[in-house]
Amino acid sequence: SVALFSILLGLLNIKMIIGAFSQLRQGAQRVANGDFSRRIPVLAHDEVGQVAAAFNDMTDRLRESYRRLSVETERDRILLENLGEGVVAVDENAKIVLINTQAITMLGLADQPKLIGQPVHRAVALLDTKGAALSGPAIPVVRALKSSQPLHDVYGYQKQAGAKVMIDIIANPILVGDQLAG
């Protein structure tokens, strides 16, 4: 009877541990999908309970980080939209990730959603001093990205309406650590 009691107690412990890990797995799936709203119940103060408490702490920190990132992103978007300068931001492959209204207006470009993801040289075809289209490594953004050095110069630009204008371009590569981010 003692052996049967021990077996039943062992099975009960296994069921509780499996249940606790199942809750952790479900919680991890919710967090992976961006749902930070539910916490894992901490039913005991053993190792499994400590893992559940640590998971809840991690989820709280992630929630706060996402909230802070969202606030900072919105702040940056508002700042960019209210600058008097046109700003075009590209990723490490020279594809447009952000363009403000001033840049669209100044350059006479199409709607913003159509520009996002396009290579910058297709959206903004620059001209050299003789009026020839720049391509490949001569494109200022490409030069700045390849060299990881800032570049500042004046280039020609032909608007879609046909008018040629001179534009001042400042290309500053963004490095995060040693990694080129755009």
C-alpha atoms as a PDB file:
ATOM      1  CA  SER A   1       0.000   0.000   0.000  1.00  0.00           C
ATOM      2  CA  VAL A   2       2.947   2.342   0.652  1.00  0.00           C
ATOM      3  CA  ALA A   3       4.306   1.555  -2.816  1.00  0.00           C
ATOM      4  CA  LEU A   4       0.895   2.269  -4.379  1.00  0.00           C
ATOM      5  CA  PHE A   5       0.676   5.555  -2.462  1.00  0.00           C
ATOM      6  CA  SER A   6       4.191   6.503  -3.639  1.00  0.00           C
ATOM      7  CA  ILE A   7       3.281   5.715  -7.247  1.00  0.00           C
ATOM      8  CA  LEU A   8       0.081   7.776  -7.033  1.00  0.00           C
ATOM      9  CA  LEU A   9       1.971  10.675  -5.437  1.00  0.00           C
ATOM     10  CA  GLY A  10       4.626  10.473  -8.165  1.00  0.00           C
ATOM     11  CA  LEU A  11       1.951  10.469 -10.897  1.00  0.00           C
ATOM     12  CA  LEU A  12       0.271  13.469  -9.284  1.00  0.00           C
ATOM     13  CA  ASN A  13       3.599  15.347  -9.204  1.00  0.00           C
ATOM     14  CA  ILE A  14       4.246  14.495 -12.855  1.00  0.00           C
ATOM     15  CA  LYS A  15       0.765  15.711 -13.811  1.00  0.00           C
ATOM     16  CA  MET A  16       1.309  18.991 -11.924  1.00  0.00           C
ATOM     17  CA  ILE A  17       4.720  19.542 -13.540  1.00  0.00           C
ATOM     18  CA  ILE A  18       3.357  18.775 -17.016  1.00  0.00           C
ATOM     19  CA  GLY A  19       0.460  21.162 -16.385  1.00  0.00           C
ATOM     20  CA  ALA A  20       2.826  23.898 -15.251  1.00  0.00           C
ATOM     21  CA  PHE A  21       5.036  23.461 -18.322  1.00  0.00           C
ATOM     22  CA  SER A  22       1.960  23.422 -20.530  1.00  0.00           C
ATOM     23  CA  GLN A  23       0.953  26.811 -19.070  1.00  0.00           C
ATOM     24  CA  LEU A  24       4.487  28.103 -19.670  1.00  0.00           C
ATOM     25  CA  ARG A  25       4.391  26.855 -23.292  1.00  0.00           C
ATOM     26  CA  GLN A  26       1.015  28.532 -23.870  1.00  0.00           C
ATOM     27  CA  GLY A  27       2.299  31.730 -22.253  1.00  0.00           C
ATOM     28  CA  ALA A  28       5.393  31.672 -24.447  1.00  0.00           C
ATOM     29  CA  GLN A  29       3.214  31.251 -27.548  1.00  0.00           C
ATOM     30  CA  ARG A  30       1.058  34.228 -26.501  1.00  0.00           C
ATOM     31  CA  VAL A  31       4.155  36.387 -25.926  1.00  0.00           C
ATOM     32  CA  ALA A  32       5.607  35.271 -29.279  1.00  0.00           C
ATOM     33  CA  ASN A  33       2.347  36.482 -30.875  1.00  0.00           C
ATOM     34  CA  GLY A  34       2.585  39.848 -29.107  1.00  0.00           C
ATOM     35  CA  ASP A  35       0.036  39.180 -26.351  1.00  0.00           C
ATOM     36  CA  PHE A  36       1.558  40.383 -23.072  1.00  0.00           C
ATOM     37  CA  SER A  37      -1.760  40.641 -21.222  1.00  0.00           C
ATOM     38  CA  ARG A  38      -1.914  37.342 -19.340  1.00  0.00           C
ATOM     39  CA  ARG A  39       0.386  36.172 -16.602  1.00  0.00           C
ATOM     40  CA  ILE A  40       1.339  32.589 -15.748  1.00  0.00           C
ATOM     41  CA  PRO A  41      -0.100  31.599 -12.355  1.00  0.00           C
ATOM     42  CA  VAL A  42       2.635  30.987  -9.773  1.00  0.00           C
ATOM     43  CA  LEU A  43       1.182  28.079  -7.799  1.00  0.00           C
ATOM     44  CA  ALA A  44       4.267  27.087  -5.826  1.00  0.00           C
ATOM     45  CA  HIS A  45       7.627  28.480  -4.813  1.00  0.00           C
ATOM     46  CA  ASP A  46       9.603  25.514  -6.134  1.00  0.00           C
ATOM     47  CA  GLU A  47      11.733  25.562  -9.300  1.00  0.00           C
ATOM     48  CA  VAL A  48       8.683  25.505 -11.587  1.00  0.00           C
ATOM     49  CA  GLY A  49       7.123  28.388  -9.669  1.00  0.00           C
ATOM     50  CA  GLN A  50      10.384  30.326  -9.915  1.00  0.00           C
ATOM     51  CA  VAL A  51      10.434  29.779 -13.688  1.00  0.00           C
ATOM     52  CA  ALA A  52       6.817  30.996 -13.913  1.00  0.00           C
ATOM     53  CA  ALA A  53       7.654  34.103 -11.846  1.00  0.00           C
ATOM     54  CA  ALA A  54      10.735  34.808 -14.001  1.00  0.00           C
ATOM     55  CA  PHE A  55       8.592  34.364 -17.128  1.00  0.00           C
ATOM     56  CA  ASN A  56       6.070  36.886 -15.776  1.00  0.00           C
ATOM     57  CA  ASP A  57       8.888  39.355 -15.014  1.00  0.00           C
ATOM     58  CA  MET A  58      10.264  38.901 -18.535  1.00  0.00           C
ATOM     59  CA  THR A  59       6.794  39.461 -20.011  1.00  0.00           C
ATOM     60  CA  ASP A  60       6.353  42.641 -17.949  1.00  0.00           C
ATOM     61  CA  ARG A  61       9.718  43.956 -19.165  1.00  0.00           C
ATOM     62  CA  LEU A  62       8.898  43.104 -22.778  1.00  0.00           C
ATOM     63  CA  ARG A  63       5.508  44.825 -22.483  1.00  0.00           C
ATOM     64  CA  GLU A  64       7.194  47.955 -21.129  1.00  0.00           C
ATOM     65  CA  SER A  65       9.885  47.833 -23.831  1.00  0.00           C
ATOM     66  CA  TYR A  66       7.254  47.550 -26.579  1.00  0.00           C
ATOM     67  CA  ARG A  67       5.276  50.411 -25.047  1.00  0.00           C
ATOM     68  CA  ARG A  68       8.372  52.593 -24.831  1.00  0.00           C
ATOM     69  CA  LEU A  69       9.370  51.694 -28.402  1.00  0.00           C
ATOM     70  CA  SER A  70       5.882  52.540 -29.627  1.00  0.00           C
ATOM     71  CA  VAL A  71       5.997  55.947 -27.912  1.00  0.00           C
ATOM     72  CA  GLU A  72       9.482  56.663 -29.289  1.00  0.00           C
ATOM     73  CA  THR A  73       8.470  55.598 -32.798  1.00  0.00           C
ATOM     74  CA  GLU A  74       5.422  57.861 -32.753  1.00  0.00           C
ATOM     75  CA  ARG A  75       7.503  60.738 -31.375  1.00  0.00           C
ATOM     76  CA  ASP A  76      10.097  60.277 -34.131  1.00  0.00           C
ATOM     77  CA  ARG A  77       7.383  60.088 -36.795  1.00  0.00           C
ATOM     78  CA  ILE A  78       5.866  63.363 -35.580  1.00  0.00           C
ATOM     79  CA  LEU A  79       9.287  65.041 -35.445  1.00  0.00           C
ATOM     80  CA  LEU A  80      10.135  63.933 -38.977  1.00  0.00           C
ATOM     81  CA  GLU A  81       6.801  65.101 -40.346  1.00  0.00           C
ATOM     82  CA  ASN A  82       7.258  68.522 -38.781  1.00  0.00           C
ATOM     83  CA  LEU A  83      10.816  69.124 -39.960  1.00  0.00           C
ATOM     84  CA  GLY A  84      11.251  71.785 -42.594  1.00  0.00           C
ATOM     85  CA  GLU A  85      13.666  69.491 -44.440  1.00  0.00           C
ATOM     86  CA  GLY A  86      12.918  66.540 -46.664  1.00  0.00           C
ATOM     87  CA  VAL A  87      14.116  63.281 -45.126  1.00  0.00           C
ATOM     88  CA  VAL A  88      14.500  59.939 -46.859  1.00  0.00           C
ATOM     89  CA  ALA A  89      15.737  57.018 -44.744  1.00  0.00           C
ATOM     90  CA  VAL A  90      16.952  53.793 -46.301  1.00  0.00           C
ATOM     91  CA  ASP A  91      17.896  50.367 -45.000  1.00  0.00           C
ATOM     92  CA  GLU A  92      21.277  48.708 -45.488  1.00  0.00           C
ATOM     93  CA  ASN A  93      20.209  47.713 -49.039  1.00  0.00           C
ATOM     94  CA  ALA A  94      19.376  51.337 -49.996  1.00  0.00           C
ATOM     95  CA  LYS A  95      15.620  50.651 -49.998  1.00  0.00           C
ATOM     96  CA  ILE A  96      13.348  53.391 -48.678  1.00  0.00           C
ATOM     97  CA  VAL A  97      12.036  52.683 -45.179  1.00  0.00           C
ATOM     98  CA  LEU A  98      10.819  56.193 -44.390  1.00  0.00           C
ATOM     99  CA  ILE A  99      10.140  59.355 -46.346  1.00  0.00           C
ATOM    100  CA  ASN A 100       8.526  62.437 -44.895  1.00  0.00           C
ATOM    101  CA  THR A 101       5.918  64.665 -46.530  1.00  0.00           C
ATOM    102  CA  GLN A 102       8.418  67.468 -47.122  1.00  0.00           C
ATOM    103  CA  ALA A 103      10.647  65.160 -49.215  1.00  0.00           C
ATOM    104  CA  ILE A 104       7.660  63.933 -51.225  1.00  0.00           C
ATOM    105  CA  THR A 105       6.530  67.505 -51.883  1.00  0.00           C
ATOM    106  CA  MET A 106       9.995  68.923 -52.622  1.00  0.00           C
ATOM    107  CA  LEU A 107      10.832  66.095 -55.011  1.00  0.00           C
ATOM    108  CA  GLY A 108       7.364  65.895 -56.554  1.00  0.00           C
ATOM    109  CA  LEU A 109       7.052  62.179 -55.824  1.00  0.00           C
ATOM    110  CA  ALA A 110       4.112  59.802 -55.703  1.00  0.00           C
ATOM    111  CA  ASP A 111       2.292  58.703 -52.567  1.00  0.00           C
ATOM    112  CA  GLN A 112       4.367  57.608 -49.601  1.00  0.00           C
ATOM    113  CA  PRO A 113       3.069  54.006 -49.392  1.00  0.00           C
ATOM    114  CA  LYS A 114       4.192  53.353 -52.982  1.00  0.00           C
ATOM    115  CA  LEU A 115       7.720  54.548 -52.174  1.00  0.00           C
ATOM    116  CA  ILE A 116       8.359  52.407 -49.079  1.00  0.00           C
ATOM    117  CA  GLY A 117      10.450  49.377 -50.024  1.00  0.00           C
ATOM    118  CA  GLN A 118      11.596  50.808 -53.360  1.00  0.00           C
ATOM    119  CA  PRO A 119      15.313  51.192 -54.051  1.00  0.00           C
ATOM    120  CA  VAL A 120      16.068  54.884 -53.433  1.00  0.00           C
ATOM    121  CA  HIS A 121      17.713  55.324 -56.851  1.00  0.00           C
ATOM    122  CA  ARG A 122      14.435  54.343 -58.588  1.00  0.00           C
ATOM    123  CA  ALA A 123      12.378  56.837 -56.602  1.00  0.00           C
ATOM    124  CA  VAL A 124      14.945  59.642 -56.627  1.00  0.00           C
ATOM    125  CA  ALA A 125      17.063  59.566 -59.796  1.00  0.00           C
ATOM    126  CA  LEU A 126      19.962  61.945 -59.230  1.00  0.00           C
ATOM    127  CA  LEU A 127      22.055  63.658 -61.901  1.00  0.00           C
ATOM    128  CA  ASP A 128      25.743  64.492 -61.966  1.00  0.00           C
ATOM    129  CA  THR A 129      27.048  67.983 -62.787  1.00  0.00           C
ATOM    130  CA  LYS A 130      26.733  67.282 -66.547  1.00  0.00           C
ATOM    131  CA  GLY A 131      23.110  66.141 -66.209  1.00  0.00           C
ATOM    132  CA  ALA A 132      23.779  62.405 -66.608  1.00  0.00           C
ATOM    133  CA  ALA A 133      21.887  59.996 -64.363  1.00  0.00           C
ATOM    134  CA  LEU A 134      23.908  58.579 -61.475  1.00  0.00           C
ATOM    135  CA  SER A 135      23.948  54.809 -61.126  1.00  0.00           C
ATOM    136  CA  GLY A 136      25.516  52.081 -59.035  1.00  0.00           C
ATOM    137  CA  PRO A 137      28.354  53.160 -56.771  1.00  0.00           C
ATOM    138  CA  ALA A 138      28.035  56.817 -57.869  1.00  0.00           C
ATOM    139  CA  ILE A 139      24.697  57.136 -56.053  1.00  0.00           C
ATOM    140  CA  PRO A 140      25.407  59.092 -52.830  1.00  0.00           C
ATOM    141  CA  VAL A 141      23.446  56.767 -50.538  1.00  0.00           C
ATOM    142  CA  VAL A 142      25.229  53.724 -51.966  1.00  0.00           C
ATOM    143  CA  ARG A 143      28.614  55.434 -51.517  1.00  0.00           C
ATOM    144  CA  ALA A 144      27.792  56.349 -47.906  1.00  0.00           C
ATOM    145  CA  LEU A 145      26.545  52.846 -47.113  1.00  0.00           C
ATOM    146  CA  LYS A 146      29.591  51.159 -48.656  1.00  0.00           C
ATOM    147  CA  SER A 147      32.104  53.462 -46.969  1.00  0.00           C
ATOM    148  CA  SER A 148      30.196  53.843 -43.664  1.00  0.00           C
ATOM    149  CA  GLN A 149      31.204  57.500 -43.922  1.00  0.00           C
ATOM    150  CA  PRO A 150      28.926  60.563 -44.110  1.00  0.00           C
ATOM    151  CA  LEU A 151      28.611  62.257 -47.478  1.00  0.00           C
ATOM    152  CA  HIS A 152      27.464  65.797 -48.259  1.00  0.00           C
ATOM    153  CA  ASP A 153      27.160  67.239 -51.756  1.00  0.00           C
ATOM    154  CA  VAL A 154      24.822  68.940 -54.213  1.00  0.00           C
ATOM    155  CA  TYR A 155      23.236  66.915 -57.021  1.00  0.00           C
ATOM    156  CA  GLY A 156      20.876  67.544 -59.866  1.00  0.00           C
ATOM    157  CA  TYR A 157      17.375  66.117 -59.822  1.00  0.00           C
ATOM    158  CA  GLN A 158      14.709  66.082 -62.504  1.00  0.00           C
ATOM    159  CA  LYS A 159      11.190  66.201 -61.154  1.00  0.00           C
ATOM    160  CA  GLN A 160       8.478  64.130 -62.801  1.00  0.00           C
ATOM    161  CA  ALA A 161       6.994  67.375 -64.138  1.00  0.00           C
ATOM    162  CA  GLY A 162      10.273  67.951 -66.013  1.00  0.00           C
ATOM    163  CA  ALA A 163      11.879  70.758 -64.016  1.00  0.00           C
ATOM    164  CA  LYS A 164      15.538  70.247 -63.090  1.00  0.00           C
ATOM    165  CA  VAL A 165      16.577  71.417 -59.643  1.00  0.00           C
ATOM    166  CA  MET A 166      19.675  71.189 -57.505  1.00  0.00           C
ATOM    167  CA  ILE A 167      19.303  69.430 -54.161  1.00  0.00           C
ATOM    168  CA  ASP A 168      21.632  69.304 -51.191  1.00  0.00           C
ATOM    169  CA  ILE A 169      22.087  65.712 -50.041  1.00  0.00           C
ATOM    170  CA  ILE A 170      23.498  64.649 -46.703  1.00  0.00           C
ATOM    171  CA  ALA A 171      23.880  60.886 -46.415  1.00  0.00           C
ATOM    172  CA  ASN A 172      24.768  59.652 -42.917  1.00  0.00           C
ATOM    173  CA  PRO A 173      25.103  55.895 -42.508  1.00  0.00           C
ATOM    174  CA  ILE A 174      23.632  54.567 -39.275  1.00  0.00           C
ATOM    175  CA  LEU A 175      25.800  52.086 -37.442  1.00  0.00           C
ATOM    176  CA  VAL A 176      24.504  50.070 -34.505  1.00  0.00           C
ATOM    177  CA  GLY A 177      27.664  48.793 -32.902  1.00  0.00           C
ATOM    178  CA  ASP A 178      29.669  47.638 -35.914  1.00  0.00           C
ATOM    179  CA  GLN A 179      26.535  46.697 -37.881  1.00  0.00           C
ATOM    180  CA  LEU A 180      25.282  48.910 -40.708  1.00  0.00           C
ATOM    181  CA  ALA A 181      21.572  49.597 -40.138  1.00  0.00           C
ATOM    182  CA  GLY A 182      20.862  52.037 -42.975  1.00  0.00           C
END
